[in-house]
Protein backbone atom coordinates (compact mmCIF):
# COMPACT_ATOMS: atom_id res chain seq x y z
CA UNK A 1 -6.56 -2.57 18.00
CA UNK A 2 -5.88 -5.04 20.83
CA UNK A 3 -7.25 -7.93 18.77
CA UNK A 4 -4.83 -7.14 15.93
CA UNK A 5 -1.90 -6.98 18.34
CA UNK A 6 -2.92 -10.31 19.89
CA UNK A 7 -3.29 -11.89 16.46
CA UNK A 8 0.24 -10.99 15.41
CA UNK A 9 1.60 -12.20 18.74
CA UNK A 10 -0.10 -15.58 18.21
CA UNK A 11 1.18 -16.11 14.65
CA UNK A 12 4.66 -14.81 15.43
CA UNK A 13 7.53 -17.30 15.38
CA UNK A 14 8.41 -15.86 18.81
CA UNK A 15 4.95 -16.58 20.25
CA UNK A 16 4.61 -17.32 23.97
CA UNK A 17 3.91 -20.90 25.02
CA UNK A 18 0.40 -19.95 26.17
CA UNK A 19 -0.42 -18.75 22.64
CA UNK A 20 0.21 -22.23 21.21
CA UNK A 21 -3.36 -23.62 21.64
CA UNK A 22 -4.83 -20.63 19.80
CA UNK A 23 -2.19 -20.92 17.09
CA UNK A 24 -3.05 -24.61 16.56
CA UNK A 25 -6.71 -23.65 16.12
CA UNK A 26 -5.70 -21.06 13.52
CA UNK A 27 -3.51 -23.68 11.82
CA UNK A 28 -6.52 -25.99 11.53
CA UNK A 29 -8.66 -23.18 10.13
CA UNK A 30 -5.97 -22.46 7.55
CA UNK A 31 -6.63 -25.93 6.05
CA UNK A 32 -10.24 -24.93 5.38
CA UNK A 33 -8.98 -21.63 3.97
CA UNK A 34 -6.67 -23.56 1.63
CA UNK A 35 -9.54 -25.75 0.39
CA UNK A 36 -11.59 -22.61 -0.17
CA UNK A 37 -8.73 -21.11 -2.17
CA UNK A 38 -8.46 -24.16 -4.42
CA UNK A 39 -12.23 -24.22 -4.95
CA UNK A 40 -12.21 -20.53 -5.85
CA UNK A 41 -9.37 -20.98 -8.35
CA UNK A 42 -11.14 -23.99 -9.87
CA UNK A 43 -14.44 -22.07 -10.11
CA UNK A 44 -12.83 -19.19 -12.01
CA UNK A 45 -10.89 -21.58 -14.25
CA UNK A 46 -14.11 -23.35 -15.31
CA UNK A 47 -16.24 -20.16 -15.42
CA UNK A 48 -18.42 -21.17 -12.51
CA UNK A 49 -17.49 -17.74 -11.19
CA UNK A 50 -17.51 -15.20 -14.04
CA UNK A 51 -14.45 -13.11 -14.88
CA UNK A 52 -15.18 -10.01 -16.99
CA UNK A 53 -13.02 -8.29 -19.61
CA UNK A 54 -12.90 -4.52 -20.07
CA UNK A 55 -12.22 -2.82 -23.40
CA UNK A 56 -9.02 -1.23 -22.18
CA UNK A 57 -5.69 -2.32 -20.78
CA UNK A 58 -5.77 -3.48 -17.15
CA UNK A 59 -2.67 -3.63 -14.94
CA UNK A 60 -2.92 -5.27 -11.52
CA UNK A 61 -0.57 -4.48 -8.63
CA UNK A 62 -0.73 -6.81 -5.65
CA UNK A 63 1.01 -9.19 -3.30
CA UNK A 64 0.63 -12.59 -1.64
CA UNK A 65 0.56 -11.36 1.95
CA UNK A 66 -1.57 -9.32 4.31
CA UNK A 67 -0.37 -5.84 5.14
CA UNK A 68 1.74 -3.38 3.23
CA UNK A 69 4.44 -4.13 0.68
CA UNK A 70 4.53 -0.70 -0.92
CA UNK A 71 1.67 -1.21 -3.40
CA UNK A 72 0.47 2.40 -3.33
CA UNK A 73 3.83 3.98 -4.33
CA UNK A 74 4.11 1.44 -7.15
CA UNK A 75 0.58 2.23 -8.36
CA UNK A 76 1.38 5.95 -8.36
CA UNK A 77 4.64 5.44 -10.25
CA UNK A 78 2.81 3.40 -12.90
CA UNK A 79 0.17 6.12 -13.25
CA UNK A 80 2.82 8.85 -13.57
CA UNK A 81 4.81 6.79 -16.10
CA UNK A 82 1.72 6.19 -18.23
CA UNK A 83 0.58 9.82 -17.99
CA UNK A 84 4.04 11.08 -18.90
CA UNK A 85 4.02 8.94 -22.05
CA UNK A 86 0.70 10.13 -23.45
CA UNK A 87 -1.67 7.58 -21.92
CA UNK A 88 -4.84 8.25 -19.91
CA UNK A 89 -4.63 6.04 -16.81
CA UNK A 90 -7.19 5.60 -14.08
CA UNK A 91 -6.85 3.92 -10.68
CA UNK A 92 -9.34 1.47 -9.18
CA UNK A 93 -9.08 0.92 -5.44
CA UNK A 94 -11.17 -1.10 -3.01
CA UNK A 95 -11.21 1.88 -0.64
CA UNK A 96 -10.04 0.10 2.48
CA UNK A 97 -11.09 1.97 5.61
CA UNK A 98 -13.85 3.95 3.88
CA UNK A 99 -17.53 3.60 4.72
CA UNK A 100 -19.17 4.15 1.34
CA UNK A 101 -21.94 1.78 0.29
CA UNK A 102 -22.21 3.00 -3.31
CA UNK A 103 -21.27 0.72 -6.18
CA UNK A 104 -19.14 3.39 -7.88
CA UNK A 105 -17.39 6.16 -5.98
CA UNK A 106 -15.37 8.84 -7.77
CA UNK A 107 -12.62 10.04 -5.43
CA UNK A 108 -11.02 12.23 -8.10
CA UNK A 109 -12.34 13.05 -11.57
CA UNK A 110 -8.90 14.06 -12.82
CA UNK A 111 -9.42 17.66 -11.70
CA UNK A 112 -11.07 17.78 -8.28
CA UNK A 113 -11.05 15.63 -5.15
CA UNK A 114 -14.67 14.74 -4.48
CA UNK A 115 -14.67 12.39 -1.47
CA UNK A 116 -13.20 12.42 2.02
CA UNK A 117 -11.00 9.71 3.61
CA UNK A 118 -13.93 8.73 5.84
CA UNK A 119 -15.93 7.84 2.72
CA UNK A 120 -13.28 6.61 0.27
CA UNK A 121 -10.42 5.46 2.51
CA UNK A 122 -7.13 7.18 3.26
CA UNK A 123 -4.99 5.57 0.53
CA UNK A 124 -7.44 6.44 -2.26
CA UNK A 125 -7.60 10.09 -1.17
CA UNK A 126 -3.83 10.25 -0.80
CA UNK A 127 -3.39 9.01 -4.37
CA UNK A 128 -5.97 11.52 -5.56
CA UNK A 129 -4.12 14.39 -3.88
CA UNK A 130 -0.76 13.35 -5.34
CA UNK A 131 -2.10 12.54 -8.83
CA UNK A 132 -4.67 15.26 -9.37
CA UNK A 133 -4.78 14.67 -13.13
CA UNK A 134 -5.56 10.94 -12.82
CA UNK A 135 -9.10 9.68 -12.05
CA UNK A 136 -9.29 7.57 -8.88
CA UNK A 137 -12.35 5.43 -8.23
CA UNK A 138 -13.37 3.20 -5.33
CA UNK A 139 -15.72 0.24 -5.33
CA UNK A 140 -15.86 -3.46 -4.51
CA UNK A 141 -16.88 -4.34 -8.08
CA UNK A 142 -13.83 -3.36 -10.14
CA UNK A 143 -15.61 -4.22 -13.40
CA UNK A 144 -18.37 -1.67 -12.74
CA UNK A 145 -15.97 1.02 -11.53
CA UNK A 146 -13.73 0.29 -14.53
CA UNK A 147 -16.61 0.69 -16.99
CA UNK A 148 -17.58 3.96 -15.32
CA UNK A 149 -13.99 5.25 -15.61
CA UNK A 150 -13.88 4.39 -19.30
CA UNK A 151 -17.27 5.92 -20.11
CA UNK A 152 -16.90 9.12 -18.08
CA UNK A 153 -13.17 9.87 -18.12
CA UNK A 154 -11.94 8.23 -21.34
CA UNK A 155 -9.18 6.23 -19.66
CA UNK A 156 -7.17 3.83 -21.81
CA UNK A 157 -5.43 1.97 -18.95
CA UNK A 158 -6.78 0.96 -15.56
CA UNK A 159 -4.52 0.19 -12.61
CA UNK A 160 -5.91 -2.14 -9.94
CA UNK A 161 -4.55 -1.23 -6.51
CA UNK A 162 -4.28 -4.50 -4.54
CA UNK A 163 -5.70 -6.54 -7.40
CA UNK A 164 -3.71 -9.80 -7.47
CA UNK A 165 -6.52 -11.79 -5.83
CA UNK A 166 -9.34 -9.97 -7.66
CA UNK A 167 -10.00 -12.62 -10.30
CA UNK A 168 -13.46 -11.28 -11.21
CA UNK A 169 -11.76 -8.83 -13.58
CA UNK A 170 -9.41 -10.05 -16.28
CA UNK A 171 -6.12 -8.21 -16.50
CA UNK A 172 -3.45 -7.80 -19.14
CA UNK A 173 -0.61 -7.71 -16.64
CA UNK A 174 -0.04 -8.92 -13.09
CA UNK A 175 2.67 -7.15 -11.13
CA UNK A 176 3.51 -9.05 -7.94
CA UNK A 177 5.28 -7.30 -5.06
CA UNK A 178 7.52 -8.94 -2.46
CA UNK A 179 8.80 -7.14 0.61
CA UNK A 180 12.52 -7.87 0.71
CA UNK A 181 12.52 -8.25 4.50
CA UNK A 182 9.36 -10.36 4.88
CA UNK A 183 8.25 -11.72 1.49
CA UNK A 184 5.91 -14.32 3.01
CA UNK A 185 5.29 -12.96 6.51
CA UNK A 186 5.68 -15.94 8.86
CA UNK A 187 5.37 -18.32 5.90
CA UNK A 188 1.98 -19.72 6.90
CA UNK A 189 -1.38 -19.43 5.17
CA UNK A 190 -4.09 -17.23 6.70
CA UNK A 191 -5.35 -17.28 9.45
CA UNK A 192 -2.27 -19.05 10.88
CA UNK A 193 -0.10 -16.64 8.95
CA UNK A 194 0.00 -13.68 6.59
CA UNK A 195 -0.17 -15.47 3.26
CA UNK A 196 -3.38 -14.80 1.29
CA UNK A 197 -2.48 -17.56 -1.15
CA UNK A 198 0.05 -20.41 -1.38
CA UNK A 199 3.50 -19.30 -2.51
CA UNK A 200 3.19 -21.14 -5.83
CA UNK A 201 0.51 -18.68 -7.00
CA UNK A 202 3.40 -16.34 -7.77
CA UNK A 203 3.38 -18.08 -11.16
CA UNK A 204 0.36 -15.92 -12.15
CA UNK A 205 2.62 -12.85 -12.17
CA UNK A 206 4.04 -11.30 -15.33
CA UNK A 207 6.85 -9.63 -13.45
CA UNK A 208 8.03 -9.24 -9.88
CA UNK A 209 8.87 -6.05 -8.01
CA UNK A 210 10.94 -6.46 -4.86
CA UNK A 211 10.21 -3.55 -2.54
CA UNK A 212 12.36 -2.23 0.31
CA UNK A 213 15.28 -3.91 -1.42
CA UNK A 214 18.18 -4.52 0.94
CA UNK A 215 21.08 -5.73 -1.17
CA UNK A 216 20.72 -9.51 -1.58
CA UNK A 217 19.87 -11.09 -4.93
CA UNK A 218 16.62 -12.56 -3.59
CA UNK A 219 14.58 -11.90 -0.46
CA UNK A 220 14.86 -14.54 2.28
CA UNK A 221 12.74 -17.58 1.42
CA UNK A 222 12.40 -16.84 -2.29
CA UNK A 223 14.29 -19.28 -4.47
CA UNK A 224 14.93 -19.09 -8.17
CA UNK A 225 12.42 -21.84 -8.89
CA UNK A 226 9.52 -19.83 -7.45
CA UNK A 227 10.03 -16.82 -9.71
CA UNK A 228 11.80 -18.64 -12.54
CA UNK A 229 11.97 -16.67 -15.80
CA UNK A 230 10.00 -13.75 -14.32
CA UNK A 231 11.50 -10.29 -14.93
CA UNK A 232 12.53 -8.64 -11.65
CA UNK A 233 12.55 -5.01 -10.60
CA UNK A 234 14.27 -3.98 -7.36
CA UNK A 235 13.06 -0.86 -5.60
CA UNK A 236 13.08 1.09 -2.37
CA UNK A 237 11.23 4.01 -0.82
CA UNK A 238 12.85 7.42 -0.45
CA UNK A 239 11.80 10.75 0.96
CA UNK A 240 10.61 12.90 -1.94
CA UNK A 241 9.41 16.11 -0.29
CA UNK A 242 8.15 17.75 2.90
CA UNK A 243 4.92 19.75 2.67
CA UNK A 244 3.77 22.09 5.42
CA UNK A 245 0.34 20.93 6.50
CA UNK A 246 -1.55 24.23 6.54
CA UNK A 247 -0.26 25.91 3.38
CA UNK A 248 1.67 23.34 1.31
CA UNK A 249 4.96 25.19 1.68
CA UNK A 250 7.86 22.91 0.74
CA UNK A 251 10.67 22.35 3.23
CA UNK A 252 14.02 21.26 1.82
CA UNK A 253 14.80 17.85 3.31
CA UNK A 254 18.34 19.08 3.99
CA UNK A 255 16.79 21.25 6.71
CA UNK A 256 16.11 18.06 8.69
CA UNK A 257 19.81 17.34 9.17
CA UNK A 258 20.59 17.27 12.90
CA UNK A 259 17.18 18.79 13.60
CA UNK A 260 15.25 17.40 16.61
CA UNK A 261 11.97 16.15 15.16
CA UNK A 262 8.96 14.12 16.28
CA UNK A 263 6.94 11.85 14.03
CA UNK A 264 3.93 9.54 14.01
CA UNK A 265 2.33 7.19 11.51
CA UNK A 266 -0.51 4.73 11.07
CA UNK A 267 0.87 2.52 8.32
CA UNK A 268 1.47 -1.20 7.89
CA UNK A 269 5.27 -0.93 8.38
CA UNK A 270 5.92 1.97 10.77
CA UNK A 271 9.60 1.10 11.18
CA UNK A 272 10.15 1.91 7.50
CA UNK A 273 8.99 5.48 8.05
CA UNK A 274 11.26 5.80 11.08
CA UNK A 275 14.29 4.54 9.10
CA UNK A 276 13.64 6.86 6.16
CA UNK A 277 13.52 9.87 8.49
CA UNK A 278 16.70 8.78 10.26
CA UNK A 279 18.45 8.42 6.89
CA UNK A 280 17.95 12.16 6.32
CA UNK A 281 20.14 12.88 9.33
CA UNK A 282 17.23 14.08 11.46
CA UNK A 283 17.37 13.48 15.21
CA UNK A 284 14.15 11.60 15.84
CA UNK A 285 13.52 12.43 19.48
CA UNK A 286 9.97 11.04 19.60
CA UNK A 287 8.12 8.54 17.41
CA UNK A 288 4.61 7.14 17.91
CA UNK A 289 3.47 4.30 15.63
CA UNK A 290 -0.28 3.68 15.41
CA UNK A 291 -2.09 0.71 13.83
CA UNK A 292 -2.52 0.77 10.05
CA UNK A 293 -5.40 3.03 8.89
CA UNK A 294 -5.74 4.48 12.40
CA UNK A 295 -8.49 7.09 12.81
CA UNK A 296 -6.98 9.90 14.83
CA UNK A 297 -8.81 11.55 17.69
CA UNK A 298 -8.17 14.94 19.26
CA UNK A 299 -6.67 13.20 22.30
CA UNK A 300 -4.23 11.32 20.03
CA UNK A 301 -3.00 14.58 18.54
CA UNK A 302 -2.74 16.32 21.91
CA UNK A 303 -0.67 13.41 23.21
CA UNK A 304 1.61 13.56 20.17
CA UNK A 305 2.20 17.30 20.45
CA UNK A 306 2.67 17.22 24.22
CA UNK A 307 5.19 14.38 23.95
CA UNK A 308 6.98 16.11 21.07
CA UNK A 309 7.38 19.31 23.08
CA UNK A 310 8.69 17.42 26.10
CA UNK A 311 11.24 15.66 23.89
CA UNK A 312 12.43 19.00 22.51
CA UNK A 313 11.17 18.53 18.93
CA UNK A 314 11.13 21.61 16.70
CA UNK A 315 8.66 20.16 14.21
CA UNK A 316 6.36 17.16 13.72
CA UNK A 317 6.25 14.86 10.69
CA UNK A 318 3.75 12.32 9.45
CA UNK A 319 3.07 10.41 6.23
CA UNK A 320 0.88 11.65 3.38
CA UNK A 321 -1.49 8.78 4.07
CA UNK A 322 -1.97 9.93 7.68
CA UNK A 323 -2.07 13.59 6.70
CA UNK A 324 -5.22 13.25 4.60
CA UNK A 325 -7.18 12.37 7.76
CA UNK A 326 -6.11 15.43 9.77
CA UNK A 327 -7.51 18.95 9.80
CA UNK A 328 -5.50 22.19 9.65
CA UNK A 329 -4.78 23.59 13.09
CA UNK A 330 -4.93 20.21 14.80
CA UNK A 331 -1.25 20.58 15.75
CA UNK A 332 0.35 23.91 16.73
CA UNK A 333 4.02 23.01 16.30
CA UNK A 334 5.34 23.27 12.71
CA UNK A 335 3.76 20.24 11.07
CA UNK A 336 4.77 18.60 7.77
CA UNK A 337 3.52 15.77 5.59
CA UNK A 338 6.27 13.56 4.22
CA UNK A 339 5.82 12.45 0.62
CA UNK A 340 7.50 9.12 -0.07
CA UNK A 341 8.36 7.95 -3.56
CA UNK A 342 9.32 4.63 -5.09
CA UNK A 343 12.87 4.57 -6.45
CA UNK A 344 13.87 1.81 -8.87
CA UNK A 345 17.35 0.53 -8.05
CA UNK A 346 17.55 -2.16 -10.72
CA UNK A 347 15.31 -2.92 -13.68
CA UNK A 348 14.10 0.50 -14.84
CA UNK A 349 14.11 -0.66 -18.45
CA UNK A 350 12.12 -3.76 -17.51
CA UNK A 351 9.60 -1.64 -15.61
CA UNK A 352 9.07 0.79 -18.49
CA UNK A 353 8.90 -1.97 -21.08
CA UNK A 354 6.13 -3.84 -19.25
CA UNK A 355 4.15 -0.79 -18.16
CA UNK A 356 4.20 0.99 -21.52
CA UNK A 357 3.84 -1.96 -23.91
């Protein structure tokens, strides 16, 4: 992942002087990207590119930036809210990191998990494991996967994971997520920055969810004009449970207090995982962040366990998303998957009203 590391060094506001020529090239390319964006929006507006409608309710969850803003926990909370109120939701994911070439891929049929992370992607399998009574499907054509979900599983609501830019499928609701710490990344359009679209496209949203909320009324850089009149939900991530990797035994999170632990993760915002663990009172004596969607090798796991032992850790923790890619017995020390859950701090009534109506 050296290229990814170099890319983020170049677009960083703290870039080195010798990165400036490459950044200026990316800045020029972002102008072509912007023109392409406007052409794409125009083509969908005038039906040059078709946008299909499904005969069920469609809820899109997405963001304006590259990387993670907590979309997956929001998608799972929506699915659980719908399921708990008598609906039959299904989840459509693009299956990032998977290698399937099929048009429609059923990760979970609502009863059994049918595909591996190598085929379907780690996030899709993680959602399937957590929501075993909700169908999860993967495919680049969300219209085809949506039709399949309706015909075979009788779903009445489809949730698009990372669907804000997927204009080929009409939706009944757009939920737009902003990371409270970095709502627009470096503020520049791709490839000079992390914005997939200009900021003003936030107007397509029906309501806004601010994730990793940190106490201010608005995230830095977001003014009232940008999200004027849009309902706002403020949320954060919290540790929900600890599951032993080999047998699913639940460890009370209170047991982490003052316990020397090691951890690793391959997620978009590894510092978030570190902070959540530290908030439990655990003594994090070793932490190894990997690139997002990292595919672990045996040497990776040996390094983690060896370093954990040297640091005096009594157990090792990782995220659910990372855990789906690992095999039992790959780590000898007590090894737990950490289940994270979205917690709504403000706007629960707004959330329920929009999701259920």
